[in-house]
């Protein structure tokens, strides 16, 4: 196995907390010791309640299995995405993803961990960028998230290779997104039986589904998706 044990980012977190100690990241109100938010702002975030039990597609407050997962079961077992890609969550994710804001990233990690239930994964697997895209952007938000979550959860971080520099998914239909990602990934070594794929936002699930297929070929038997937020297919 080729695992990189995630290094702790506690020093960076302490520095950021010292910069604005005791103030809510959303309203600048007072917080409880050790928290980055006040309780009213925490409660008002776009929490993902209900949805598809497999892909977490929002279903208007209902909990069921969506039509897509019934007709075309994905390669992963479940998506855990505690937030919806709306409002303050959208702004945080965009600051983190496109501006490489460490404060936004740390806050998103803290929010994710606060809502994460028991974790039975044996390793984390970030969604990789193609080497050309990685050189261009200089930052892979999924890798950053996996390293931080690995430090929090005491889990190793495995690595995958993105073999194809796929076109942007934004303008593609759902079937085209899945076809676009076909055979895009390969693993750098074998995986344990239980793996959690880490990404920032899940929309159709095409990217994480392709990586889940590659993870199963590398030995994974149960594949969970850890995502900060979920969009609605109706809005994608």
C-alpha atoms as a PDB file:
ATOM      1  CA  UNK A   1       0.000   0.000   0.000  1.00  0.00           C
ATOM      2  CA  UNK A   2       1.134   3.541  -0.736  1.00  0.00           C
ATOM      3  CA  UNK A   3      -0.354   5.620   2.057  1.00  0.00           C
ATOM      4  CA  UNK A   4       0.720   9.073   3.200  1.00  0.00           C
ATOM      5  CA  UNK A   5      -0.199   9.575   6.826  1.00  0.00           C
ATOM      6  CA  UNK A   6      -1.827  13.009   7.072  1.00  0.00           C
ATOM      7  CA  UNK A   7       0.278  15.565   8.865  1.00  0.00           C
ATOM      8  CA  UNK A   8      -1.346  17.674  11.587  1.00  0.00           C
ATOM      9  CA  UNK A   9      -2.412  21.208  10.703  1.00  0.00           C
ATOM     10  CA  UNK A  10      -2.982  22.215  14.322  1.00  0.00           C
ATOM     11  CA  UNK A  11      -0.429  25.053  14.227  1.00  0.00           C
ATOM     12  CA  UNK A  12      -2.243  26.732  11.337  1.00  0.00           C
ATOM     13  CA  UNK A  13      -5.585  26.299  13.056  1.00  0.00           C
ATOM     14  CA  UNK A  14      -4.262  27.815  16.295  1.00  0.00           C
ATOM     15  CA  UNK A  15      -2.849  30.778  14.384  1.00  0.00           C
ATOM     16  CA  UNK A  16      -6.177  31.431  12.689  1.00  0.00           C
ATOM     17  CA  UNK A  17      -8.081  31.146  15.957  1.00  0.00           C
ATOM     18  CA  UNK A  18      -5.650  33.584  17.567  1.00  0.00           C
ATOM     19  CA  UNK A  19      -6.305  36.049  14.760  1.00  0.00           C
ATOM     20  CA  UNK A  20     -10.005  36.344  15.733  1.00  0.00           C
ATOM     21  CA  UNK A  21     -10.405  34.623  19.111  1.00  0.00           C
ATOM     22  CA  UNK A  22     -13.927  34.057  20.370  1.00  0.00           C
ATOM     23  CA  UNK A  23     -15.721  35.593  17.376  1.00  0.00           C
ATOM     24  CA  UNK A  24     -18.211  33.833  15.122  1.00  0.00           C
ATOM     25  CA  UNK A  25     -16.899  33.326  11.574  1.00  0.00           C
ATOM     26  CA  UNK A  26     -20.330  34.284  10.202  1.00  0.00           C
ATOM     27  CA  UNK A  27     -21.626  37.204  12.298  1.00  0.00           C
ATOM     28  CA  UNK A  28     -18.616  38.176  14.466  1.00  0.00           C
ATOM     29  CA  UNK A  29     -20.706  37.538  17.566  1.00  0.00           C
ATOM     30  CA  UNK A  30     -19.348  35.810  20.634  1.00  0.00           C
ATOM     31  CA  UNK A  31     -18.770  32.062  20.514  1.00  0.00           C
ATOM     32  CA  UNK A  32     -18.320  29.352  23.072  1.00  0.00           C
ATOM     33  CA  UNK A  33     -14.660  28.577  23.908  1.00  0.00           C
ATOM     34  CA  UNK A  34     -12.988  26.563  21.183  1.00  0.00           C
ATOM     35  CA  UNK A  35     -15.796  27.062  18.634  1.00  0.00           C
ATOM     36  CA  UNK A  36     -15.634  29.010  15.373  1.00  0.00           C
ATOM     37  CA  UNK A  37     -19.329  29.889  15.283  1.00  0.00           C
ATOM     38  CA  UNK A  38     -22.192  30.991  17.483  1.00  0.00           C
ATOM     39  CA  UNK A  39     -25.130  28.646  17.982  1.00  0.00           C
ATOM     40  CA  UNK A  40     -27.704  30.767  16.050  1.00  0.00           C
ATOM     41  CA  UNK A  41     -25.471  30.938  12.954  1.00  0.00           C
ATOM     42  CA  UNK A  42     -24.693  27.219  13.209  1.00  0.00           C
ATOM     43  CA  UNK A  43     -28.386  26.388  13.318  1.00  0.00           C
ATOM     44  CA  UNK A  44     -29.183  28.667  10.369  1.00  0.00           C
ATOM     45  CA  UNK A  45     -26.705  27.038   7.995  1.00  0.00           C
ATOM     46  CA  UNK A  46     -28.104  25.016   5.078  1.00  0.00           C
ATOM     47  CA  UNK A  47     -27.969  21.633   6.778  1.00  0.00           C
ATOM     48  CA  UNK A  48     -28.806  18.644   4.591  1.00  0.00           C
ATOM     49  CA  UNK A  49     -31.802  16.966   6.210  1.00  0.00           C
ATOM     50  CA  UNK A  50     -33.269  13.970   4.428  1.00  0.00           C
ATOM     51  CA  UNK A  51     -32.526  13.045   0.826  1.00  0.00           C
ATOM     52  CA  UNK A  52     -31.511   9.913  -1.036  1.00  0.00           C
ATOM     53  CA  UNK A  53     -30.066   7.287   1.295  1.00  0.00           C
ATOM     54  CA  UNK A  54     -27.414   6.435  -1.310  1.00  0.00           C
ATOM     55  CA  UNK A  55     -26.339   9.546  -3.240  1.00  0.00           C
ATOM     56  CA  UNK A  56     -27.764  12.177  -0.832  1.00  0.00           C
ATOM     57  CA  UNK A  57     -29.697  13.926  -3.623  1.00  0.00           C
ATOM     58  CA  UNK A  58     -32.075  16.359  -1.840  1.00  0.00           C
ATOM     59  CA  UNK A  59     -35.646  15.065  -2.021  1.00  0.00           C
ATOM     60  CA  UNK A  60     -37.614  17.915  -0.525  1.00  0.00           C
ATOM     61  CA  UNK A  61     -37.161  16.763   3.063  1.00  0.00           C
ATOM     62  CA  UNK A  62     -37.977  13.113   2.321  1.00  0.00           C
ATOM     63  CA  UNK A  63     -35.599  10.219   2.958  1.00  0.00           C
ATOM     64  CA  UNK A  64     -35.752   7.497   0.317  1.00  0.00           C
ATOM     65  CA  UNK A  65     -33.702   6.063  -2.548  1.00  0.00           C
ATOM     66  CA  UNK A  66     -33.870   8.302  -5.604  1.00  0.00           C
ATOM     67  CA  UNK A  67     -34.825   7.132  -9.081  1.00  0.00           C
ATOM     68  CA  UNK A  68     -31.263   7.448 -10.394  1.00  0.00           C
ATOM     69  CA  UNK A  69     -29.865   5.144  -7.694  1.00  0.00           C
ATOM     70  CA  UNK A  70     -32.701   2.631  -8.132  1.00  0.00           C
ATOM     71  CA  UNK A  71     -32.243   2.427 -11.901  1.00  0.00           C
ATOM     72  CA  UNK A  72     -28.450   2.753 -12.003  1.00  0.00           C
ATOM     73  CA  UNK A  73     -26.923   1.792  -8.620  1.00  0.00           C
ATOM     74  CA  UNK A  74     -23.634   3.668  -8.157  1.00  0.00           C
ATOM     75  CA  UNK A  75     -20.274   2.100  -7.348  1.00  0.00           C
ATOM     76  CA  UNK A  76     -20.257   3.751  -3.904  1.00  0.00           C
ATOM     77  CA  UNK A  77     -22.403   2.725  -0.950  1.00  0.00           C
ATOM     78  CA  UNK A  78     -23.341   6.088   0.489  1.00  0.00           C
ATOM     79  CA  UNK A  79     -22.689   9.824   0.325  1.00  0.00           C
ATOM     80  CA  UNK A  80     -22.280  11.698   3.605  1.00  0.00           C
ATOM     81  CA  UNK A  81     -22.700  15.400   2.874  1.00  0.00           C
ATOM     82  CA  UNK A  82     -23.946  17.290   5.935  1.00  0.00           C
ATOM     83  CA  UNK A  83     -24.485  20.647   4.185  1.00  0.00           C
ATOM     84  CA  UNK A  84     -26.346  21.925   1.141  1.00  0.00           C
ATOM     85  CA  UNK A  85     -24.521  24.072  -1.389  1.00  0.00           C
ATOM     86  CA  UNK A  86     -26.445  27.242  -0.590  1.00  0.00           C
ATOM     87  CA  UNK A  87     -25.968  30.642   0.994  1.00  0.00           C
ATOM     88  CA  UNK A  88     -23.038  30.965   3.389  1.00  0.00           C
ATOM     89  CA  UNK A  89     -21.919  27.417   2.554  1.00  0.00           C
ATOM     90  CA  UNK A  90     -21.546  28.339  -1.135  1.00  0.00           C
ATOM     91  CA  UNK A  91     -19.437  31.372  -0.261  1.00  0.00           C
ATOM     92  CA  UNK A  92     -17.210  29.335   2.057  1.00  0.00           C
ATOM     93  CA  UNK A  93     -16.672  26.588  -0.524  1.00  0.00           C
ATOM     94  CA  UNK A  94     -15.875  29.087  -3.272  1.00  0.00           C
ATOM     95  CA  UNK A  95     -13.403  30.953  -1.059  1.00  0.00           C
ATOM     96  CA  UNK A  96     -11.760  27.661  -0.182  1.00  0.00           C
ATOM     97  CA  UNK A  97     -11.756  26.125  -3.663  1.00  0.00           C
ATOM     98  CA  UNK A  98     -10.956  29.114  -5.859  1.00  0.00           C
ATOM     99  CA  UNK A  99      -9.121  31.446  -3.456  1.00  0.00           C
ATOM    100  CA  UNK A 100      -7.323  28.703  -1.470  1.00  0.00           C
ATOM    101  CA  UNK A 101      -8.505  30.326   1.768  1.00  0.00           C
ATOM    102  CA  UNK A 102      -7.161  28.235   4.680  1.00  0.00           C
ATOM    103  CA  UNK A 103      -9.602  29.852   7.089  1.00  0.00           C
ATOM    104  CA  UNK A 104     -12.575  28.831   4.916  1.00  0.00           C
ATOM    105  CA  UNK A 105     -11.130  25.324   4.577  1.00  0.00           C
ATOM    106  CA  UNK A 106     -10.591  24.899   8.309  1.00  0.00           C
ATOM    107  CA  UNK A 107     -14.094  26.165   9.069  1.00  0.00           C
ATOM    108  CA  UNK A 108     -15.620  23.766   6.528  1.00  0.00           C
ATOM    109  CA  UNK A 109     -13.648  20.879   8.053  1.00  0.00           C
ATOM    110  CA  UNK A 110     -14.843  21.805  11.528  1.00  0.00           C
ATOM    111  CA  UNK A 111     -18.453  21.949  10.328  1.00  0.00           C
ATOM    112  CA  UNK A 112     -18.097  18.581   8.602  1.00  0.00           C
ATOM    113  CA  UNK A 113     -16.577  16.873  11.642  1.00  0.00           C
ATOM    114  CA  UNK A 114     -19.246  18.386  13.916  1.00  0.00           C
ATOM    115  CA  UNK A 115     -21.929  16.580  11.897  1.00  0.00           C
ATOM    116  CA  UNK A 116     -20.034  13.368  11.084  1.00  0.00           C
ATOM    117  CA  UNK A 117     -21.347  10.244  12.738  1.00  0.00           C
ATOM    118  CA  UNK A 118     -19.261   7.166  13.555  1.00  0.00           C
ATOM    119  CA  UNK A 119     -16.493   6.635  11.007  1.00  0.00           C
ATOM    120  CA  UNK A 120     -15.661   3.039  10.059  1.00  0.00           C
ATOM    121  CA  UNK A 121     -13.338   3.885   7.158  1.00  0.00           C
ATOM    122  CA  UNK A 122      -9.815   2.485   7.231  1.00  0.00           C
ATOM    123  CA  UNK A 123      -8.372   5.065   4.826  1.00  0.00           C
ATOM    124  CA  UNK A 124      -9.321   8.307   3.085  1.00  0.00           C
ATOM    125  CA  UNK A 125      -8.991   8.793  -0.664  1.00  0.00           C
ATOM    126  CA  UNK A 126      -9.045  12.347  -2.073  1.00  0.00           C
ATOM    127  CA  UNK A 127     -10.279  13.002  -5.601  1.00  0.00           C
ATOM    128  CA  UNK A 128      -7.074  13.759  -7.545  1.00  0.00           C
ATOM    129  CA  UNK A 129      -6.448  16.437 -10.139  1.00  0.00           C
ATOM    130  CA  UNK A 130      -4.789  15.606 -13.428  1.00  0.00           C
ATOM    131  CA  UNK A 131      -1.075  16.571 -13.188  1.00  0.00           C
ATOM    132  CA  UNK A 132      -1.535  19.324 -15.804  1.00  0.00           C
ATOM    133  CA  UNK A 133      -4.485  20.794 -13.889  1.00  0.00           C
ATOM    134  CA  UNK A 134      -2.618  20.481 -10.583  1.00  0.00           C
ATOM    135  CA  UNK A 135       0.324  22.475 -11.963  1.00  0.00           C
ATOM    136  CA  UNK A 136      -2.058  25.084 -13.324  1.00  0.00           C
ATOM    137  CA  UNK A 137      -4.071  25.508 -10.120  1.00  0.00           C
ATOM    138  CA  UNK A 138      -1.369  24.731  -7.576  1.00  0.00           C
ATOM    139  CA  UNK A 139      -3.985  23.564  -5.068  1.00  0.00           C
ATOM    140  CA  UNK A 140      -6.142  20.455  -4.743  1.00  0.00           C
ATOM    141  CA  UNK A 141      -8.917  21.150  -2.268  1.00  0.00           C
ATOM    142  CA  UNK A 142      -9.819  17.446  -1.959  1.00  0.00           C
ATOM    143  CA  UNK A 143      -6.236  16.534  -1.020  1.00  0.00           C
ATOM    144  CA  UNK A 144      -6.136  19.350   1.542  1.00  0.00           C
ATOM    145  CA  UNK A 145      -9.445  18.201   3.045  1.00  0.00           C
ATOM    146  CA  UNK A 146      -8.344  14.568   3.187  1.00  0.00           C
ATOM    147  CA  UNK A 147      -5.088  15.449   4.938  1.00  0.00           C
ATOM    148  CA  UNK A 148      -6.892  17.509   7.534  1.00  0.00           C
ATOM    149  CA  UNK A 149      -9.651  14.960   8.089  1.00  0.00           C
ATOM    150  CA  UNK A 150      -7.029  12.224   8.255  1.00  0.00           C
ATOM    151  CA  UNK A 151      -5.288  14.135  11.021  1.00  0.00           C
ATOM    152  CA  UNK A 152      -8.569  14.584  12.896  1.00  0.00           C
ATOM    153  CA  UNK A 153      -9.764  10.997  12.425  1.00  0.00           C
ATOM    154  CA  UNK A 154      -6.340   9.333  12.712  1.00  0.00           C
ATOM    155  CA  UNK A 155      -6.670   7.769   9.261  1.00  0.00           C
ATOM    156  CA  UNK A 156      -4.086   7.310   6.497  1.00  0.00           C
ATOM    157  CA  UNK A 157      -4.584   9.094   3.183  1.00  0.00           C
ATOM    158  CA  UNK A 158      -4.295   6.958   0.048  1.00  0.00           C
ATOM    159  CA  UNK A 159      -3.517   8.350  -3.398  1.00  0.00           C
ATOM    160  CA  UNK A 160      -5.083   7.910  -6.828  1.00  0.00           C
ATOM    161  CA  UNK A 161      -3.959   9.097 -10.243  1.00  0.00           C
ATOM    162  CA  UNK A 162      -6.185  10.963 -12.662  1.00  0.00           C
ATOM    163  CA  UNK A 163      -5.192   9.504 -16.013  1.00  0.00           C
ATOM    164  CA  UNK A 164      -7.383  11.699 -18.217  1.00  0.00           C
ATOM    165  CA  UNK A 165      -7.618  15.492 -18.090  1.00  0.00           C
ATOM    166  CA  UNK A 166     -11.389  15.479 -18.498  1.00  0.00           C
ATOM    167  CA  UNK A 167     -13.257  18.544 -19.804  1.00  0.00           C
ATOM    168  CA  UNK A 168     -15.189  20.667 -17.338  1.00  0.00           C
ATOM    169  CA  UNK A 169     -18.360  18.974 -16.087  1.00  0.00           C
ATOM    170  CA  UNK A 170     -20.319  22.189 -15.556  1.00  0.00           C
ATOM    171  CA  UNK A 171     -22.039  22.400 -18.959  1.00  0.00           C
ATOM    172  CA  UNK A 172     -22.641  18.648 -19.377  1.00  0.00           C
ATOM    173  CA  UNK A 173     -25.826  16.655 -18.857  1.00  0.00           C
ATOM    174  CA  UNK A 174     -25.928  13.903 -16.245  1.00  0.00           C
ATOM    175  CA  UNK A 175     -25.288  11.048 -18.764  1.00  0.00           C
ATOM    176  CA  UNK A 176     -22.502  13.063 -20.392  1.00  0.00           C
ATOM    177  CA  UNK A 177     -20.865  13.676 -17.004  1.00  0.00           C
ATOM    178  CA  UNK A 178     -20.758   9.951 -16.267  1.00  0.00           C
ATOM    179  CA  UNK A 179     -19.390   9.171 -19.746  1.00  0.00           C
ATOM    180  CA  UNK A 180     -16.847  11.978 -19.365  1.00  0.00           C
ATOM    181  CA  UNK A 181     -15.405  10.329 -16.237  1.00  0.00           C
ATOM    182  CA  UNK A 182     -15.306   6.749 -17.537  1.00  0.00           C
ATOM    183  CA  UNK A 183     -12.010   5.068 -16.580  1.00  0.00           C
ATOM    184  CA  UNK A 184     -10.513   8.414 -15.501  1.00  0.00           C
ATOM    185  CA  UNK A 185      -8.782   7.113 -12.346  1.00  0.00           C
ATOM    186  CA  UNK A 186      -6.323   4.471 -11.234  1.00  0.00           C
ATOM    187  CA  UNK A 187      -5.052   3.699  -7.733  1.00  0.00           C
ATOM    188  CA  UNK A 188      -1.427   3.873  -6.616  1.00  0.00           C
ATOM    189  CA  UNK A 189      -1.437   0.617  -4.669  1.00  0.00           C
ATOM    190  CA  UNK A 190      -3.973  -1.641  -2.967  1.00  0.00           C
ATOM    191  CA  UNK A 191      -6.702  -0.346  -0.639  1.00  0.00           C
ATOM    192  CA  UNK A 192      -8.183  -1.689   2.602  1.00  0.00           C
ATOM    193  CA  UNK A 193     -11.735  -3.009   2.678  1.00  0.00           C
ATOM    194  CA  UNK A 194     -13.389   0.222   3.867  1.00  0.00           C
ATOM    195  CA  UNK A 195     -12.527   3.514   2.177  1.00  0.00           C
ATOM    196  CA  UNK A 196     -13.983   7.029   2.289  1.00  0.00           C
ATOM    197  CA  UNK A 197     -13.524   9.184  -0.826  1.00  0.00           C
ATOM    198  CA  UNK A 198     -13.113  12.868   0.023  1.00  0.00           C
ATOM    199  CA  UNK A 199     -14.405  15.726  -2.168  1.00  0.00           C
ATOM    200  CA  UNK A 200     -15.708  19.228  -1.598  1.00  0.00           C
ATOM    201  CA  UNK A 201     -19.101  19.184  -3.371  1.00  0.00           C
ATOM    202  CA  UNK A 202     -21.139  16.387  -4.949  1.00  0.00           C
ATOM    203  CA  UNK A 203     -23.550  17.229  -7.790  1.00  0.00           C
ATOM    204  CA  UNK A 204     -24.381  14.274 -10.060  1.00  0.00           C
ATOM    205  CA  UNK A 205     -21.820  12.043  -8.348  1.00  0.00           C
ATOM    206  CA  UNK A 206     -20.128  11.175 -11.660  1.00  0.00           C
ATOM    207  CA  UNK A 207     -16.603  11.971 -10.438  1.00  0.00           C
ATOM    208  CA  UNK A 208     -16.824  10.133  -7.121  1.00  0.00           C
ATOM    209  CA  UNK A 209     -18.589   7.222  -8.826  1.00  0.00           C
ATOM    210  CA  UNK A 210     -15.683   6.790 -11.265  1.00  0.00           C
ATOM    211  CA  UNK A 211     -13.190   6.949  -8.403  1.00  0.00           C
ATOM    212  CA  UNK A 212     -15.288   4.470  -6.402  1.00  0.00           C
ATOM    213  CA  UNK A 213     -15.092   1.992  -9.282  1.00  0.00           C
ATOM    214  CA  UNK A 214     -11.313   2.365  -9.325  1.00  0.00           C
ATOM    215  CA  UNK A 215     -11.227   1.929  -5.527  1.00  0.00           C
ATOM    216  CA  UNK A 216     -13.146  -1.330  -5.776  1.00  0.00           C
ATOM    217  CA  UNK A 217     -10.724  -2.606  -8.409  1.00  0.00           C
ATOM    218  CA  UNK A 218      -7.948  -1.836  -5.895  1.00  0.00           C
ATOM    219  CA  UNK A 219      -9.529  -3.920  -3.139  1.00  0.00           C
ATOM    220  CA  UNK A 220     -12.139  -1.707  -1.432  1.00  0.00           C
ATOM    221  CA  UNK A 221     -15.329  -3.515  -0.471  1.00  0.00           C
ATOM    222  CA  UNK A 222     -17.243  -0.611   1.060  1.00  0.00           C
ATOM    223  CA  UNK A 223     -16.879   2.898  -0.371  1.00  0.00           C
ATOM    224  CA  UNK A 224     -18.371   5.938   1.365  1.00  0.00           C
ATOM    225  CA  UNK A 225     -18.209   9.475  -0.005  1.00  0.00           C
ATOM    226  CA  UNK A 226     -17.305  12.270   2.410  1.00  0.00           C
ATOM    227  CA  UNK A 227     -18.336  15.593   0.878  1.00  0.00           C
ATOM    228  CA  UNK A 228     -18.712  18.975   2.508  1.00  0.00           C
ATOM    229  CA  UNK A 229     -21.881  19.817   0.612  1.00  0.00           C
ATOM    230  CA  UNK A 230     -24.453  18.479  -1.839  1.00  0.00           C
ATOM    231  CA  UNK A 231     -26.115  20.333  -4.686  1.00  0.00           C
ATOM    232  CA  UNK A 232     -29.520  19.468  -6.048  1.00  0.00           C
ATOM    233  CA  UNK A 233     -29.651  17.834  -9.484  1.00  0.00           C
ATOM    234  CA  UNK A 234     -32.632  20.085 -10.218  1.00  0.00           C
ATOM    235  CA  UNK A 235     -30.295  23.068  -9.916  1.00  0.00           C
ATOM    236  CA  UNK A 236     -27.275  21.579 -11.718  1.00  0.00           C
END
